Amino acid sequence: MRADHGAAAELAEELLRLAQAQGDPALRLEAHRALGQSLCWRGQFAPAREHLEQAVALYNPEHHRAHAARYGRDPGLDSRCYAVWTLCFLGSPDQALEGIQEALPRAQALSHPFTLAVTLIIAGVIHQLRREVPAAQARADAVIALSTEHGFPYWRALATVIHGWALAVQGRGEEGIAQMQQGLADWRATGAEFIRPYYLALLAEGYARLGQTAEGLGALTEALALVQRTGERMYEAELHRLTGECLLAQEGTRQKAEEAEACLQQALAVARAQGAKSWELRAAVSLGRVWQRQGKRAEARELLAPIYGWFTEGFDTSDLQEARALLDALAEVT
């Protein structure tokens, strides 16, 4: 299953035009769902959310529940899950968590294991993005068990990567990396390519925690090449940021430091272009720390304060807590 998200979005747009011309709500539902998901993968989060919410609004359980058997997933719940996923990127982590917590009981009530697996894996990703490690691991465990029972190698592979990331973050680096590598190998064995940049980023983070920055940079280079080839830009800003962080962790020349800072600037630019406030915050924190070490405290505050001030929720997440701590440190008189 080769990924070409540009072509997929074009096909989804054509599907929507045909559905609107026919005036069939069922076709419009599937078209909005397809286009919303395609735009999400391309990093166009705001329009993706609009189409996905239109799909949710069109969903009628009595009329459309049969779509789960026809298309493999319940379209209403699938659209709802992707819609709350976009909220993570757009800077509403609490709304995303609330949304996926509401979706899980609905998925369990459907008695459709594949849709439940999708819902659980997105729940795991949302917890991972919020840096809620035990919760991400628990969701991954649930997906692995469900996928093993029903024969879903696709979702089992993805859950294995998230489970490995959770182990690595909790200090079991070598075991976690081994699991992530196995999950990625199993994923490729299904013939799939999409979402691989995200999972390569998790692998790179695991390497970095063990001080294996060269291996981490290798994974990130592979991920960025996939972004350029497939158009899957959902995680692009983070790939640039993590590349910068790996370069900063290496002892090197001034040229390498400048290269790392350029990567962080690129992460910031991509996040801003996508309207991805969560990625913008992470990039601003990473770059702000660099400027803090360089003695550019005022510049760092001017960078970080506006994006931190934009947020109205998520203040219990590690991303916003780290941003607040950095702002407080930058405000201290030395």
Protein backbone atom coordinates (compact mmCIF):
# COMPACT_ATOMS: atom_id res chain seq x y z
CA MET A 1 0.00 0.00 0.00
CA ARG A 2 2.11 2.88 -1.30
CA ALA A 3 1.39 6.28 0.20
CA ASP A 4 0.83 9.29 -2.04
CA HIS A 5 -1.15 11.76 -0.02
CA GLY A 6 -1.33 14.37 -2.75
CA ALA A 7 -3.01 11.93 -5.13
CA ALA A 8 -5.27 10.68 -2.33
CA ALA A 9 -6.45 14.23 -1.58
CA GLU A 10 -7.17 14.87 -5.27
CA LEU A 11 -9.24 11.69 -5.49
CA ALA A 12 -11.11 12.63 -2.32
CA GLU A 13 -11.90 16.08 -3.73
CA GLU A 14 -13.27 14.46 -6.89
CA LEU A 15 -15.31 12.05 -4.77
CA LEU A 16 -16.81 15.00 -2.89
CA ARG A 17 -17.72 16.77 -6.13
CA LEU A 18 -19.47 13.64 -7.40
CA ALA A 19 -21.27 13.09 -4.09
CA GLN A 20 -22.51 16.67 -4.00
CA ALA A 21 -23.70 16.43 -7.60
CA GLN A 22 -25.72 13.32 -6.76
CA GLY A 23 -27.08 14.75 -3.54
CA ASP A 24 -26.60 11.47 -1.71
CA PRO A 25 -25.91 12.02 2.04
CA ALA A 26 -24.22 8.63 2.36
CA LEU A 27 -21.78 9.45 -0.42
CA ARG A 28 -21.19 12.92 0.99
CA LEU A 29 -20.42 11.38 4.37
CA GLU A 30 -17.78 9.09 2.90
CA ALA A 31 -16.36 11.88 0.72
CA HIS A 32 -15.97 14.30 3.62
CA ARG A 33 -14.37 11.53 5.65
CA ALA A 34 -11.91 10.64 2.88
CA LEU A 35 -10.98 14.25 2.19
CA GLY A 36 -10.64 15.14 5.87
CA GLN A 37 -8.33 12.22 6.52
CA SER A 38 -6.23 12.96 3.42
CA LEU A 39 -5.83 16.60 4.45
CA CYS A 40 -4.85 15.53 7.96
CA TRP A 41 -2.00 13.42 6.61
CA ARG A 42 -0.88 16.37 4.47
CA GLY A 43 -0.65 18.61 7.53
CA GLN A 44 -3.64 20.76 6.55
CA PHE A 45 -5.23 20.40 9.93
CA ALA A 46 -7.86 23.16 10.00
CA PRO A 47 -9.57 22.21 6.70
CA ALA A 48 -9.21 18.55 7.66
CA ARG A 49 -11.12 19.16 10.85
CA GLU A 50 -13.88 21.00 8.95
CA HIS A 51 -14.47 18.10 6.58
CA LEU A 52 -14.33 15.53 9.35
CA GLU A 53 -16.86 17.42 11.43
CA GLN A 54 -19.15 17.63 8.40
CA ALA A 55 -18.87 13.84 8.11
CA VAL A 56 -19.78 13.46 11.78
CA ALA A 57 -22.78 15.76 11.28
CA LEU A 58 -23.99 13.70 8.31
CA TYR A 59 -23.70 10.39 10.14
CA ASN A 60 -26.96 8.65 10.98
CA PRO A 61 -26.47 5.40 12.93
CA GLU A 62 -29.64 3.83 11.55
CA HIS A 63 -28.75 4.55 7.93
CA HIS A 64 -24.96 4.35 7.93
CA ARG A 65 -23.95 1.68 10.43
CA ALA A 66 -23.85 -0.85 7.60
CA HIS A 67 -20.90 1.10 6.18
CA ALA A 68 -18.68 -0.58 8.76
CA ALA A 69 -19.17 -3.91 7.01
CA ARG A 70 -18.92 -2.37 3.55
CA TYR A 71 -15.88 -0.11 4.08
CA GLY A 72 -14.22 -1.74 7.07
CA ARG A 73 -14.84 1.01 9.62
CA ASP A 74 -17.82 2.81 11.09
CA PRO A 75 -17.69 6.16 9.25
CA GLY A 76 -19.13 8.27 12.03
CA LEU A 77 -16.74 7.06 14.67
CA ASP A 78 -13.79 7.00 12.29
CA SER A 79 -14.43 10.63 11.35
CA ARG A 80 -14.88 11.59 14.99
CA CYS A 81 -11.55 10.01 15.93
CA TYR A 82 -9.67 11.81 13.18
CA ALA A 83 -11.38 15.09 14.08
CA VAL A 84 -10.21 14.89 17.69
CA TRP A 85 -6.75 13.88 16.46
CA THR A 86 -6.49 17.16 14.54
CA LEU A 87 -7.27 18.99 17.77
CA CYS A 88 -3.96 17.75 19.18
CA PHE A 89 -2.05 19.40 16.36
CA LEU A 90 -4.13 22.58 16.36
CA GLY A 91 -3.40 23.22 20.03
CA SER A 92 -6.43 21.86 21.89
CA PRO A 93 -5.00 18.87 23.78
CA ASP A 94 -7.72 18.79 26.44
CA GLN A 95 -10.51 18.80 23.86
CA ALA A 96 -8.70 16.01 22.03
CA LEU A 97 -8.50 13.92 25.19
CA GLU A 98 -12.14 14.55 26.04
CA GLY A 99 -13.17 13.66 22.49
CA ILE A 100 -11.33 10.35 22.39
CA GLN A 101 -12.63 9.43 25.85
CA GLU A 102 -16.16 9.97 24.53
CA ALA A 103 -15.41 7.92 21.41
CA LEU A 104 -14.11 4.82 23.19
CA PRO A 105 -17.42 3.71 24.79
CA ARG A 106 -19.15 4.24 21.44
CA ALA A 107 -16.57 2.06 19.74
CA GLN A 108 -16.99 -0.67 22.34
CA ALA A 109 -20.77 -0.57 21.90
CA LEU A 110 -20.53 -1.10 18.14
CA SER A 111 -19.32 -4.71 18.43
CA HIS A 112 -17.07 -4.04 15.42
CA PRO A 113 -13.50 -5.02 16.43
CA PHE A 114 -11.73 -3.24 13.57
CA THR A 115 -13.35 0.11 14.40
CA LEU A 116 -12.52 -0.45 18.06
CA ALA A 117 -8.88 -1.10 17.14
CA VAL A 118 -8.75 2.17 15.18
CA THR A 119 -10.26 4.09 18.09
CA LEU A 120 -7.86 2.55 20.59
CA ILE A 121 -4.79 3.24 18.44
CA ILE A 122 -5.78 6.88 17.98
CA ALA A 123 -6.36 7.09 21.73
CA GLY A 124 -2.83 5.75 22.22
CA VAL A 125 -1.40 8.33 19.82
CA ILE A 126 -3.24 11.17 21.57
CA HIS A 127 -1.84 10.05 24.93
CA GLN A 128 1.61 9.80 23.34
CA LEU A 129 1.34 13.33 21.94
CA ARG A 130 0.30 14.55 25.39
CA ARG A 131 3.31 12.66 26.86
CA GLU A 132 1.04 10.56 29.08
CA VAL A 133 3.27 7.53 29.05
CA PRO A 134 1.35 4.96 31.18
CA ALA A 135 -1.91 5.77 29.38
CA ALA A 136 -0.26 5.43 25.96
CA GLN A 137 1.22 2.10 27.00
CA ALA A 138 -2.15 0.85 28.30
CA ARG A 139 -3.88 1.72 25.03
CA ALA A 140 -1.11 0.01 23.07
CA ASP A 141 -1.50 -3.12 25.20
CA ALA A 142 -5.23 -3.13 24.47
CA VAL A 143 -4.66 -2.82 20.73
CA ILE A 144 -2.08 -5.61 20.75
CA ALA A 145 -4.48 -7.92 22.58
CA LEU A 146 -7.42 -7.06 20.32
CA SER A 147 -5.34 -7.33 17.15
CA THR A 148 -3.92 -10.68 18.20
CA GLU A 149 -7.41 -12.02 18.90
CA HIS A 150 -8.92 -10.84 15.60
CA GLY A 151 -5.91 -11.02 13.29
CA PHE A 152 -5.12 -7.32 12.68
CA PRO A 153 -1.34 -7.31 11.99
CA TYR A 154 -1.58 -3.72 10.78
CA TRP A 155 -2.76 -2.29 14.10
CA ARG A 156 -0.69 -4.70 16.15
CA ALA A 157 2.46 -3.37 14.48
CA LEU A 158 1.56 0.25 15.21
CA ALA A 159 0.69 -0.52 18.81
CA THR A 160 4.02 -2.31 19.22
CA VAL A 161 5.86 0.88 18.24
CA ILE A 162 3.91 2.97 20.76
CA HIS A 163 4.50 0.35 23.45
CA GLY A 164 8.22 0.39 22.67
CA TRP A 165 8.29 4.19 22.89
CA ALA A 166 6.65 4.02 26.31
CA LEU A 167 9.30 1.56 27.52
CA ALA A 168 12.11 3.78 26.20
CA VAL A 169 10.71 6.86 27.94
CA GLN A 170 10.49 4.92 31.20
CA GLY A 171 14.17 4.03 31.12
CA ARG A 172 14.04 0.68 29.34
CA GLY A 173 15.75 2.08 26.27
CA GLU A 174 17.24 -0.99 24.63
CA GLU A 175 14.07 -3.04 25.11
CA GLY A 176 11.95 -0.18 23.84
CA ILE A 177 14.07 0.33 20.73
CA ALA A 178 13.94 -3.38 19.96
CA GLN A 179 10.16 -3.30 20.18
CA MET A 180 9.92 -0.22 17.96
CA GLN A 181 12.19 -1.81 15.37
CA GLN A 182 10.07 -4.95 15.41
CA GLY A 183 6.88 -2.94 15.07
CA LEU A 184 8.29 -1.01 12.12
CA ALA A 185 9.41 -4.21 10.44
CA ASP A 186 6.00 -5.80 10.95
CA TRP A 187 4.39 -2.64 9.60
CA ARG A 188 6.48 -2.72 6.42
CA ALA A 189 5.64 -6.41 6.02
CA THR A 190 1.96 -5.44 5.59
CA GLY A 191 2.97 -3.35 2.56
CA ALA A 192 2.08 -0.08 4.28
CA GLU A 193 4.09 3.13 4.28
CA PHE A 194 1.82 5.83 5.67
CA ILE A 195 2.39 7.08 9.25
CA ARG A 196 5.95 5.71 9.12
CA PRO A 197 7.53 9.19 9.58
CA TYR A 198 5.76 9.50 12.93
CA TYR A 199 6.95 6.10 14.11
CA LEU A 200 10.48 6.76 12.90
CA ALA A 201 10.39 9.92 15.02
CA LEU A 202 9.47 7.85 18.07
CA LEU A 203 12.36 5.52 17.27
CA ALA A 204 14.71 8.51 16.95
CA GLU A 205 13.58 9.74 20.35
CA GLY A 206 14.38 6.35 21.81
CA TYR A 207 17.85 6.41 20.30
CA ALA A 208 18.46 9.91 21.62
CA ARG A 209 17.57 8.84 25.15
CA LEU A 210 20.35 6.25 24.94
CA GLY A 211 22.79 8.81 23.57
CA GLN A 212 22.77 7.12 20.16
CA THR A 213 22.27 10.35 18.24
CA ALA A 214 23.80 9.08 15.00
CA GLU A 215 21.21 6.32 14.84
CA GLY A 216 18.51 8.83 15.73
CA LEU A 217 19.59 11.13 12.92
CA GLY A 218 19.51 8.19 10.54
CA ALA A 219 15.88 7.47 11.42
CA LEU A 220 14.97 11.14 11.04
CA THR A 221 16.71 11.40 7.67
CA GLU A 222 14.69 8.42 6.46
CA ALA A 223 11.49 9.99 7.81
CA LEU A 224 12.12 13.35 6.11
CA ALA A 225 12.82 11.60 2.82
CA LEU A 226 9.44 9.88 3.13
CA VAL A 227 7.80 13.25 3.78
CA GLN A 228 9.19 14.60 0.52
CA ARG A 229 8.28 11.50 -1.46
CA THR A 230 4.78 10.87 -0.14
CA GLY A 231 3.57 14.31 0.95
CA GLU A 232 2.79 13.03 4.46
CA ARG A 233 3.45 16.24 6.40
CA MET A 234 1.46 15.61 9.58
CA TYR A 235 4.64 15.21 11.68
CA GLU A 236 7.04 17.23 9.54
CA ALA A 237 7.64 20.03 12.04
CA GLU A 238 8.55 17.55 14.77
CA LEU A 239 10.97 15.75 12.46
CA HIS A 240 12.90 18.99 11.93
CA ARG A 241 12.81 19.80 15.64
CA LEU A 242 14.06 16.37 16.66
CA THR A 243 16.82 16.60 14.06
CA GLY A 244 17.92 19.85 15.64
CA GLU A 245 17.81 18.33 19.11
CA CYS A 246 19.92 15.35 18.01
CA LEU A 247 22.49 17.64 16.42
CA LEU A 248 22.66 19.74 19.59
CA ALA A 249 23.30 16.59 21.63
CA GLN A 250 26.40 15.85 19.59
CA GLU A 251 29.67 17.52 20.42
CA GLY A 252 30.71 19.32 17.30
CA THR A 253 31.78 22.46 15.54
CA ARG A 254 30.12 25.84 15.36
CA GLN A 255 28.89 24.82 11.93
CA LYS A 256 27.01 21.87 13.46
CA ALA A 257 25.44 24.16 16.06
CA GLU A 258 24.32 26.50 13.31
CA GLU A 259 22.88 23.55 11.41
CA ALA A 260 20.93 22.48 14.50
CA GLU A 261 19.53 25.98 14.98
CA ALA A 262 18.51 26.05 11.32
CA CYS A 263 16.58 22.81 11.83
CA LEU A 264 14.73 24.34 14.78
CA GLN A 265 13.92 27.43 12.72
CA GLN A 266 12.60 25.15 9.98
CA ALA A 267 10.44 23.32 12.52
CA LEU A 268 9.01 26.64 13.64
CA ALA A 269 8.31 27.74 10.06
CA VAL A 270 6.56 24.49 9.13
CA ALA A 271 4.43 24.54 12.29
CA ARG A 272 3.35 28.13 11.67
CA ALA A 273 2.50 27.42 8.03
CA GLN A 274 0.33 24.48 9.14
CA GLY A 275 -1.34 26.34 11.99
CA ALA A 276 -0.03 23.53 14.20
CA LYS A 277 0.15 25.34 17.53
CA SER A 278 1.34 22.27 19.47
CA TRP A 279 4.29 21.80 17.12
CA GLU A 280 4.98 25.55 17.18
CA LEU A 281 5.15 25.48 20.98
CA ARG A 282 7.62 22.59 21.01
CA ALA A 283 9.81 24.25 18.38
CA ALA A 284 9.74 27.55 20.27
CA VAL A 285 10.79 25.81 23.51
CA SER A 286 13.69 24.03 21.79
CA LEU A 287 14.88 27.18 20.05
CA GLY A 288 14.31 29.27 23.16
CA ARG A 289 16.63 26.99 25.13
CA VAL A 290 19.32 27.42 22.49
CA TRP A 291 19.01 31.19 22.68
CA GLN A 292 19.00 31.05 26.48
CA ARG A 293 22.38 29.29 26.39
CA GLN A 294 23.62 31.90 23.94
CA GLY A 295 22.64 34.70 26.32
CA LYS A 296 19.78 35.87 24.07
CA ARG A 297 17.21 35.83 26.87
CA ALA A 298 15.06 38.69 25.57
CA GLU A 299 14.86 37.15 22.11
CA ALA A 300 13.91 33.80 23.62
CA ARG A 301 11.09 35.36 25.65
CA GLU A 302 9.82 37.28 22.63
CA LEU A 303 9.69 34.02 20.72
CA LEU A 304 8.05 31.86 23.36
CA ALA A 305 5.70 34.19 25.24
CA PRO A 306 3.20 34.79 22.39
CA ILE A 307 2.73 31.14 21.50
CA TYR A 308 2.44 30.14 25.16
CA GLY A 309 -0.07 32.96 25.66
CA TRP A 310 -2.16 31.66 22.78
CA PHE A 311 -3.08 28.47 24.66
CA THR A 312 -6.24 28.33 26.75
CA GLU A 313 -6.02 24.68 27.81
CA GLY A 314 -3.58 21.83 28.30
CA PHE A 315 -1.69 23.47 31.14
CA ASP A 316 -1.24 20.12 32.87
CA THR A 317 0.58 18.67 29.85
CA SER A 318 4.35 18.42 29.91
CA ASP A 319 4.69 20.62 26.81
CA LEU A 320 3.01 23.61 28.41
CA GLN A 321 4.65 22.98 31.77
CA GLU A 322 8.09 22.98 30.13
CA ALA A 323 7.25 26.16 28.26
CA ARG A 324 6.10 27.86 31.48
CA ALA A 325 9.27 26.76 33.30
CA LEU A 326 11.45 28.16 30.51
CA LEU A 327 9.58 31.47 30.52
CA ASP A 328 10.05 31.73 34.29
CA ALA A 329 13.76 30.98 33.95
CA LEU A 330 14.13 33.60 31.21
CA ALA A 331 12.43 36.18 33.44
CA GLU A 332 14.86 35.63 36.33
CA VAL A 333 17.35 38.40 36.99
CA THR A 334 20.93 37.20 36.72
